[in-house]
N, C-alpha and C. Protein backbone atom coordinates (compact mmCIF):
# COMPACT_ATOMS: atom_id res chain seq x y z
N ILE A 1 64.45 14.50 6.54
CA ILE A 1 64.30 13.57 5.28
C ILE A 1 62.63 12.72 5.57
N ILE A 2 62.18 12.68 4.40
CA ILE A 2 60.88 11.77 4.37
C ILE A 2 61.04 10.93 3.57
N LEU A 3 61.39 9.91 3.76
CA LEU A 3 61.02 8.65 2.85
C LEU A 3 59.90 7.87 2.79
N ASN A 4 59.16 8.25 1.65
CA ASN A 4 57.70 7.83 1.71
C ASN A 4 57.40 7.11 0.33
N ASN A 5 58.51 6.48 -0.19
CA ASN A 5 58.48 5.50 -1.55
C ASN A 5 59.37 4.59 -1.35
N TYR A 6 59.25 3.81 -2.30
CA TYR A 6 59.87 2.54 -2.34
C TYR A 6 61.30 3.07 -3.02
N TYR A 7 62.38 2.48 -2.37
CA TYR A 7 63.44 3.06 -2.95
C TYR A 7 64.49 1.50 -3.27
N VAL A 8 64.28 0.22 -3.08
CA VAL A 8 64.91 -0.70 -3.32
C VAL A 8 63.99 -1.61 -4.09
N THR A 9 64.81 -2.73 -4.68
CA THR A 9 63.73 -3.91 -5.22
C THR A 9 63.73 -4.77 -3.91
N PRO A 10 62.87 -5.85 -4.13
CA PRO A 10 62.55 -6.76 -3.20
C PRO A 10 63.55 -7.93 -3.48
N LEU A 11 64.37 -7.87 -4.26
CA LEU A 11 65.61 -8.94 -4.26
C LEU A 11 67.10 -8.55 -3.76
N CYS A 12 67.44 -9.61 -3.66
CA CYS A 12 69.33 -9.34 -2.70
C CYS A 12 69.86 -8.78 -3.62
N SER A 13 70.35 -9.41 -5.01
CA SER A 13 71.41 -8.89 -5.84
C SER A 13 71.04 -7.31 -6.33
N PRO A 14 70.33 -7.05 -6.59
CA PRO A 14 69.68 -5.71 -7.10
C PRO A 14 69.92 -4.70 -6.01
N SER A 15 69.28 -5.26 -4.75
CA SER A 15 69.27 -4.23 -3.43
C SER A 15 70.41 -3.91 -3.13
N ARG A 16 71.35 -4.67 -2.91
CA ARG A 16 72.86 -4.78 -2.84
C ARG A 16 73.64 -4.02 -3.42
N ALA A 17 73.46 -4.20 -4.83
CA ALA A 17 74.02 -3.73 -6.34
C ALA A 17 73.74 -1.85 -6.16
N THR A 18 72.71 -1.61 -5.79
CA THR A 18 72.02 -0.64 -5.54
C THR A 18 72.77 0.25 -4.26
N LEU A 19 72.61 -0.49 -3.03
CA LEU A 19 73.28 0.03 -2.13
C LEU A 19 74.94 0.46 -2.10
N LEU A 20 75.36 -0.49 -2.88
CA LEU A 20 76.93 -0.14 -2.86
C LEU A 20 77.06 0.77 -3.99
N THR A 21 76.48 0.64 -5.03
CA THR A 21 77.10 1.68 -5.99
C THR A 21 76.32 3.18 -6.37
N GLY A 22 75.14 3.27 -5.17
CA GLY A 22 74.41 4.47 -5.68
C GLY A 22 73.73 4.59 -6.62
N ARG A 23 73.69 3.48 -7.53
CA ARG A 23 72.96 3.66 -8.77
C ARG A 23 71.60 2.52 -8.99
N TYR A 24 70.55 2.94 -9.62
CA TYR A 24 69.92 1.92 -9.76
C TYR A 24 69.85 0.76 -10.39
N ALA A 25 69.82 -0.64 -10.23
CA ALA A 25 70.22 -1.68 -10.56
C ALA A 25 69.70 -1.83 -12.08
N ILE A 26 68.58 -1.03 -12.67
CA ILE A 26 68.51 -1.25 -13.94
C ILE A 26 69.56 -0.95 -14.95
N ARG A 27 70.43 0.14 -14.37
CA ARG A 27 71.82 0.76 -14.79
C ARG A 27 72.83 -0.51 -15.39
N TYR A 28 72.75 -1.53 -14.74
CA TYR A 28 73.89 -2.86 -15.13
C TYR A 28 72.69 -4.12 -15.22
N GLY A 29 71.64 -3.80 -15.17
CA GLY A 29 70.85 -5.15 -15.99
C GLY A 29 70.39 -6.03 -14.53
N LEU A 30 70.51 -5.62 -13.34
CA LEU A 30 70.33 -6.89 -12.11
C LEU A 30 69.14 -6.17 -11.70
N GLN A 31 67.85 -5.94 -12.60
CA GLN A 31 66.89 -5.63 -11.96
C GLN A 31 65.68 -6.33 -11.56
N HIS A 32 65.91 -7.56 -12.32
CA HIS A 32 65.07 -8.60 -12.60
C HIS A 32 65.16 -10.12 -11.57
N HIS A 33 66.38 -10.03 -11.26
CA HIS A 33 67.03 -11.35 -10.75
C HIS A 33 67.86 -11.35 -9.99
N VAL A 34 68.12 -12.51 -9.07
CA VAL A 34 69.06 -12.57 -8.34
C VAL A 34 70.45 -13.27 -8.89
N ILE A 35 71.72 -13.10 -8.67
CA ILE A 35 72.95 -13.73 -9.20
C ILE A 35 72.96 -14.94 -8.54
N MET A 36 72.86 -16.56 -9.47
CA MET A 36 72.95 -17.67 -9.00
C MET A 36 74.20 -17.85 -8.78
N ALA A 37 74.19 -19.28 -8.09
CA ALA A 37 75.36 -19.79 -7.83
C ALA A 37 75.98 -20.09 -9.18
N GLY A 38 77.06 -20.22 -9.42
CA GLY A 38 77.67 -21.05 -10.89
C GLY A 38 77.47 -20.91 -12.23
N THR A 39 76.93 -19.31 -11.75
CA THR A 39 76.33 -18.52 -13.34
C THR A 39 77.88 -17.36 -13.48
N ARG A 40 77.78 -17.19 -14.62
CA ARG A 40 78.87 -16.30 -15.06
C ARG A 40 78.25 -14.88 -15.14
N SER A 41 77.60 -14.81 -13.86
CA SER A 41 77.15 -13.31 -13.77
C SER A 41 77.71 -12.37 -12.38
N ALA A 42 77.45 -11.03 -12.53
CA ALA A 42 78.52 -10.53 -11.30
C ALA A 42 77.72 -9.17 -11.56
N LEU A 43 78.01 -8.29 -10.68
CA LEU A 43 77.94 -6.89 -10.80
C LEU A 43 79.37 -6.25 -11.32
N PRO A 44 78.98 -5.72 -12.53
CA PRO A 44 80.12 -5.75 -13.35
C PRO A 44 81.58 -4.91 -12.50
N LEU A 45 82.82 -5.18 -13.09
CA LEU A 45 83.32 -4.38 -12.62
C LEU A 45 84.06 -3.41 -13.08
N SER A 46 83.27 -2.39 -14.05
CA SER A 46 83.26 -1.04 -14.21
C SER A 46 82.47 -0.06 -13.39
N GLU A 47 81.54 -0.64 -12.20
CA GLU A 47 80.85 -0.37 -11.43
C GLU A 47 81.89 0.04 -10.23
N LYS A 48 81.73 1.02 -9.77
CA LYS A 48 82.97 1.40 -8.80
C LYS A 48 81.99 1.38 -7.49
N ILE A 49 82.36 0.71 -6.22
CA ILE A 49 81.57 0.65 -5.26
C ILE A 49 82.09 1.31 -3.56
N ILE A 50 81.19 1.37 -2.91
CA ILE A 50 81.69 2.00 -1.47
C ILE A 50 83.04 1.86 -1.07
N PRO A 51 83.46 0.91 -1.00
CA PRO A 51 84.70 0.69 -0.37
C PRO A 51 86.08 0.99 -1.28
N GLN A 52 85.64 1.21 -2.49
CA GLN A 52 86.66 1.64 -3.70
C GLN A 52 86.64 3.06 -3.41
N TYR A 53 85.76 3.96 -3.37
CA TYR A 53 85.66 5.46 -2.79
C TYR A 53 86.32 5.27 -1.42
N LEU A 54 85.69 4.75 -0.39
CA LEU A 54 86.44 5.03 0.60
C LEU A 54 87.89 4.81 1.18
N ASN A 55 88.51 3.82 -0.03
CA ASN A 55 89.73 3.16 0.22
C ASN A 55 90.68 4.61 -0.20
N GLU A 56 90.17 5.20 -1.20
CA GLU A 56 90.93 6.75 -1.84
C GLU A 56 90.75 7.54 -0.87
N MET A 57 89.89 7.47 -0.02
CA MET A 57 90.36 8.53 1.03
C MET A 57 91.02 8.27 2.17
N GLY A 58 91.61 6.74 2.33
CA GLY A 58 92.74 6.69 3.53
C GLY A 58 91.65 5.57 4.29
N TYR A 59 90.72 5.44 4.21
CA TYR A 59 89.47 4.17 4.63
C TYR A 59 90.04 3.00 4.45
N THR A 60 89.77 1.88 5.62
CA THR A 60 89.79 0.86 5.14
C THR A 60 88.20 0.06 5.46
N SER A 61 87.94 -0.95 4.53
CA SER A 61 86.35 -1.24 4.66
C SER A 61 86.38 -2.70 4.90
N HIS A 62 85.87 -3.44 5.93
CA HIS A 62 85.30 -4.74 5.83
C HIS A 62 84.10 -4.92 5.68
N ALA A 63 83.69 -6.20 5.39
CA ALA A 63 82.30 -6.69 4.72
C ALA A 63 82.02 -8.00 5.54
N VAL A 64 80.77 -8.10 6.24
CA VAL A 64 80.49 -9.30 7.16
C VAL A 64 79.02 -9.42 6.76
N GLY A 65 78.79 -10.60 6.43
CA GLY A 65 77.24 -10.84 5.70
C GLY A 65 77.24 -11.81 4.69
N LYS A 66 76.24 -11.39 3.65
CA LYS A 66 76.12 -11.78 2.43
C LYS A 66 76.60 -11.13 1.16
N TRP A 67 77.29 -11.49 0.28
CA TRP A 67 77.94 -10.77 -0.92
C TRP A 67 76.88 -10.76 -1.74
N HIS A 68 76.37 -11.98 -2.37
CA HIS A 68 75.48 -12.35 -3.54
C HIS A 68 75.33 -11.22 -4.65
N LEU A 69 76.64 -11.16 -4.90
CA LEU A 69 76.99 -10.09 -5.85
C LEU A 69 78.03 -10.45 -7.55
N GLY A 70 77.81 -11.92 -6.90
CA GLY A 70 78.84 -12.57 -8.24
C GLY A 70 79.96 -13.02 -7.54
N PHE A 71 80.43 -14.38 -8.07
CA PHE A 71 81.85 -15.18 -7.60
C PHE A 71 82.26 -15.72 -8.30
N PHE A 72 82.18 -15.55 -9.64
CA PHE A 72 82.49 -16.52 -10.61
C PHE A 72 84.07 -16.67 -10.73
N HIS A 73 84.57 -15.47 -10.57
CA HIS A 73 86.22 -15.36 -10.80
C HIS A 73 86.45 -14.71 -9.84
N LYS A 74 87.34 -14.70 -9.41
CA LYS A 74 88.12 -13.99 -7.91
C LYS A 74 87.76 -12.35 -8.25
N ASP A 75 88.11 -11.71 -9.10
CA ASP A 75 87.99 -10.93 -9.44
C ASP A 75 86.43 -9.77 -8.82
N TYR A 76 85.55 -10.65 -8.87
CA TYR A 76 84.16 -10.27 -8.43
C TYR A 76 84.28 -10.22 -7.09
N THR A 77 84.70 -10.96 -6.29
CA THR A 77 84.74 -11.12 -4.80
C THR A 77 85.17 -10.11 -3.81
N PRO A 78 84.45 -9.81 -2.74
CA PRO A 78 84.88 -8.69 -1.69
C PRO A 78 85.66 -8.55 -1.89
N THR A 79 86.90 -9.09 -1.69
CA THR A 79 88.27 -8.23 -1.08
C THR A 79 89.07 -8.03 -2.77
N TYR A 80 88.51 -8.15 -3.65
CA TYR A 80 88.67 -7.85 -4.69
C TYR A 80 88.27 -6.40 -5.49
N ARG A 81 87.11 -6.18 -4.94
CA ARG A 81 86.40 -4.99 -4.89
C ARG A 81 86.45 -4.07 -4.04
N GLY A 82 87.42 -4.02 -3.09
CA GLY A 82 87.51 -2.68 -2.19
C GLY A 82 87.61 -2.91 -0.61
N PHE A 83 86.71 -4.45 -0.23
CA PHE A 83 86.87 -4.70 0.83
C PHE A 83 88.41 -4.89 1.69
N GLU A 84 88.99 -4.57 2.84
CA GLU A 84 89.86 -5.53 2.93
C GLU A 84 89.59 -7.01 3.70
N SER A 85 88.81 -6.95 4.16
CA SER A 85 88.49 -8.57 4.41
C SER A 85 86.96 -8.61 4.30
N PHE A 86 86.69 -10.08 4.12
CA PHE A 86 85.27 -10.48 4.02
C PHE A 86 84.93 -11.34 4.96
N LEU A 87 83.76 -11.46 5.69
CA LEU A 87 83.25 -12.93 6.53
C LEU A 87 82.19 -12.97 6.12
N GLY A 88 82.16 -14.36 5.37
CA GLY A 88 80.16 -14.29 4.99
C GLY A 88 79.97 -15.53 4.06
N TYR A 89 79.23 -15.23 2.97
CA TYR A 89 78.63 -16.40 2.14
C TYR A 89 78.74 -15.09 0.75
N TYR A 90 79.17 -15.93 -0.01
CA TYR A 90 79.07 -15.27 -1.72
C TYR A 90 78.02 -15.59 -2.30
N ASN A 91 76.78 -16.25 -1.86
CA ASN A 91 75.91 -16.80 -2.31
C ASN A 91 74.65 -16.57 -1.36
N ALA A 92 73.34 -17.14 -1.47
CA ALA A 92 72.46 -16.94 -0.82
C ALA A 92 72.07 -18.25 0.08
N LYS A 93 70.82 -17.96 0.93
CA LYS A 93 70.05 -18.87 1.36
C LYS A 93 71.29 -20.24 2.24
N ASN A 94 71.95 -19.85 3.26
CA ASN A 94 72.70 -20.32 3.85
C ASN A 94 72.94 -20.13 5.30
N ASP A 95 73.04 -20.70 6.04
CA ASP A 95 73.01 -20.73 7.75
C ASP A 95 74.26 -20.35 8.16
N TYR A 96 74.58 -19.39 9.00
CA TYR A 96 75.69 -19.00 9.38
C TYR A 96 76.45 -20.14 10.09
N PHE A 97 75.51 -20.64 10.78
CA PHE A 97 76.23 -21.54 12.14
C PHE A 97 76.56 -22.81 11.59
N ASP A 98 75.56 -23.81 11.01
CA ASP A 98 75.42 -25.13 10.28
C ASP A 98 76.01 -24.90 8.88
N HIS A 99 76.03 -24.44 8.27
CA HIS A 99 76.24 -24.28 6.72
C HIS A 99 75.15 -24.84 6.07
N HIS A 100 73.62 -25.36 6.37
CA HIS A 100 72.81 -25.79 5.41
C HIS A 100 72.23 -24.85 5.21
N ASN A 101 71.90 -25.27 3.53
CA ASN A 101 71.16 -24.11 3.37
C ASN A 101 69.30 -24.19 3.64
N GLN A 102 68.39 -23.37 3.32
CA GLN A 102 67.25 -23.42 3.51
C GLN A 102 66.60 -24.87 3.20
N GLU A 103 67.13 -25.71 2.40
CA GLU A 103 66.52 -26.74 1.92
C GLU A 103 66.53 -28.10 2.87
N GLY A 104 67.74 -27.50 3.84
CA GLY A 104 68.21 -28.32 4.60
C GLY A 104 69.61 -29.37 4.33
N GLU A 105 69.86 -28.85 3.00
CA GLU A 105 71.42 -29.65 2.68
C GLU A 105 72.40 -29.17 3.07
N LYS A 106 73.44 -29.77 3.38
CA LYS A 106 74.95 -29.45 3.92
C LYS A 106 75.05 -28.84 2.79
N THR A 107 75.72 -27.45 2.50
CA THR A 107 76.47 -26.45 1.66
C THR A 107 77.81 -25.98 1.92
N TRP A 108 78.68 -25.89 1.18
CA TRP A 108 79.52 -25.06 1.41
C TRP A 108 79.60 -24.28 0.07
N ASP A 109 78.33 -23.62 -0.71
CA ASP A 109 78.26 -22.83 -1.78
C ASP A 109 78.23 -21.55 -0.94
N GLY A 110 79.21 -20.67 -1.57
CA GLY A 110 79.72 -19.37 -1.06
C GLY A 110 80.64 -19.29 -0.02
N LEU A 111 81.34 -19.94 0.50
CA LEU A 111 82.47 -19.72 1.59
C LEU A 111 83.55 -18.91 0.28
N ASP A 112 84.60 -19.71 0.86
CA ASP A 112 85.78 -19.59 -0.23
C ASP A 112 85.81 -20.14 -1.11
N TRP A 113 85.16 -21.12 -1.72
CA TRP A 113 84.83 -21.98 -2.72
C TRP A 113 83.57 -21.88 -3.13
N HIS A 114 83.53 -23.29 -4.64
CA HIS A 114 81.96 -23.31 -4.80
C HIS A 114 82.17 -24.63 -5.60
N TRP A 115 80.46 -25.00 -6.06
CA TRP A 115 80.28 -25.94 -6.89
C TRP A 115 80.64 -25.38 -8.49
N ASP A 116 81.19 -26.61 -9.27
CA ASP A 116 81.71 -25.67 -10.29
C ASP A 116 80.45 -26.35 -11.22
N HIS A 117 80.28 -26.12 -12.39
CA HIS A 117 79.57 -26.50 -13.26
C HIS A 117 79.47 -28.26 -13.61
N ASN A 118 80.35 -28.63 -13.06
CA ASN A 118 80.66 -30.56 -13.00
C ASN A 118 80.04 -30.84 -11.87
N GLY A 119 79.79 -30.06 -10.72
CA GLY A 119 79.59 -30.49 -9.75
C GLY A 119 80.84 -30.65 -8.58
N ASN A 120 81.74 -30.25 -9.05
CA ASN A 120 82.98 -30.37 -8.09
C ASN A 120 83.00 -28.93 -7.16
N LEU A 121 83.53 -29.67 -6.03
CA LEU A 121 84.09 -28.43 -5.14
C LEU A 121 85.25 -27.83 -5.38
N THR A 122 85.08 -26.53 -5.44
CA THR A 122 86.53 -25.92 -5.92
C THR A 122 86.83 -24.49 -5.70
N ASP A 123 88.05 -24.14 -5.74
CA ASP A 123 88.57 -22.51 -5.19
C ASP A 123 87.62 -21.78 -6.15
N VAL A 124 88.02 -20.45 -6.00
CA VAL A 124 87.35 -19.71 -7.29
C VAL A 124 87.91 -19.47 -8.17
N PRO A 125 87.86 -19.81 -9.32
CA PRO A 125 88.73 -19.58 -10.29
C PRO A 125 89.66 -18.32 -10.24
N GLU A 126 91.07 -18.40 -10.66
CA GLU A 126 91.69 -17.40 -10.99
C GLU A 126 91.69 -16.39 -12.18
């Protein structure tokens, strides 16, 4: 196999979406931006991803790391998209050890809860 071209975008969300779906991010509108915390944006539920295919064949899948494919509703989170378990952040720019973001602020964004549109720390909505 010779891989001598560019096969992914230089952004997190589109690259993750492409890897997990096997389809170019332009197919579902994620080619130009990353999914920001607090927005009602996510990889569409109509897009089947690798763990869902693997589950059908009797495998179990676990995810570790950064999700960054949307989490405004629980149905869009990794454990509702085929992963048996998930350890990591739903969002971007977080330190795994001290939970500070790249700007040095303490953040709990993207764990099992997030900041809502009013600035309140909440659980992922039902």
